Amino acid sequence: MAIDEAVGRRTARLHGLRLTGSLGILLHALDAGYPISLAECIGNMERHGIGLSRELREQVLRRARR
């Protein structure tokens, strides 16, 4: 089942749920010790048409290096 992302986020907020996007999930995976390449994952996302701002991409990669 697919839903519109904006509608899904709005509905989640209305119900007091915390939101975690794809990059947040990848950061959690790194924190849990999964051996992933965040740069490779981001590249794959972008190649498949998922738009990320330069600022967000850099922020996430900096966070991953901690």
Protein backbone atom coordinates (compact mmCIF):
# COMPACT_ATOMS: atom_id res chain seq x y z
CA MET A 1 0.00 0.00 0.00
CA ALA A 2 1.32 3.45 -0.85
CA ILE A 3 0.31 6.76 0.67
CA ASP A 4 1.17 10.33 -0.13
CA GLU A 5 4.18 11.26 2.00
CA ALA A 6 2.83 14.71 2.94
CA VAL A 7 -0.51 13.25 4.02
CA GLY A 8 1.20 10.51 6.01
CA ARG A 9 3.47 12.96 7.81
CA ARG A 10 0.59 15.30 8.57
CA THR A 11 -1.50 12.43 9.94
CA ALA A 12 1.39 11.20 12.09
CA ARG A 13 1.94 14.67 13.55
CA LEU A 14 -1.78 15.05 14.30
CA HIS A 15 -1.58 11.83 16.31
CA GLY A 16 1.57 12.86 18.18
CA LEU A 17 3.85 10.32 16.53
CA ARG A 18 7.56 10.94 16.07
CA LEU A 19 8.72 10.94 12.47
CA THR A 20 11.88 9.28 11.21
CA GLY A 21 12.82 9.51 7.58
CA SER A 22 15.02 7.23 5.53
CA LEU A 23 18.21 9.00 6.56
CA GLY A 24 17.25 8.81 10.22
CA ILE A 25 16.71 5.09 9.91
CA LEU A 26 20.12 4.71 8.25
CA LEU A 27 21.74 6.69 11.10
CA HIS A 28 20.03 4.42 13.64
CA ALA A 29 21.39 1.41 11.75
CA LEU A 30 24.91 2.82 11.95
CA ASP A 31 24.49 3.50 15.67
CA ALA A 32 23.36 -0.11 16.12
CA GLY A 33 26.55 -1.34 14.46
CA TYR A 34 25.27 -2.36 11.05
CA PRO A 35 28.12 -2.16 8.50
CA ILE A 36 26.59 0.20 5.94
CA SER A 37 28.11 2.92 3.82
CA LEU A 38 25.94 5.96 4.36
CA ALA A 39 27.52 7.73 1.38
CA GLU A 40 26.69 4.75 -0.85
CA CYS A 41 23.11 4.62 0.47
CA ILE A 42 22.64 8.33 -0.18
CA GLY A 43 24.05 7.93 -3.69
CA ASN A 44 21.62 5.08 -4.38
CA MET A 45 18.70 7.16 -3.10
CA GLU A 46 19.65 10.05 -5.37
CA ARG A 47 20.14 7.77 -8.38
CA HIS A 48 16.59 6.51 -7.83
CA GLY A 49 15.13 10.00 -7.85
CA ILE A 50 15.00 10.78 -4.13
CA GLY A 51 15.96 14.42 -3.83
CA LEU A 52 18.10 15.47 -0.88
CA SER A 53 19.33 18.97 -0.24
CA ARG A 54 23.07 19.45 -0.17
CA GLU A 55 22.77 20.77 3.38
CA LEU A 56 20.88 17.70 4.61
CA ARG A 57 23.28 15.31 2.87
CA GLU A 58 26.31 17.03 4.46
CA GLN A 59 24.65 17.21 7.88
CA VAL A 60 23.89 13.48 7.86
CA LEU A 61 27.38 12.54 6.69
CA ARG A 62 28.92 14.73 9.44
CA ARG A 63 26.67 13.10 12.03
CA ALA A 64 27.73 9.66 10.79
CA ARG A 65 31.42 10.48 11.27
CA ARG A 66 31.03 11.13 15.02
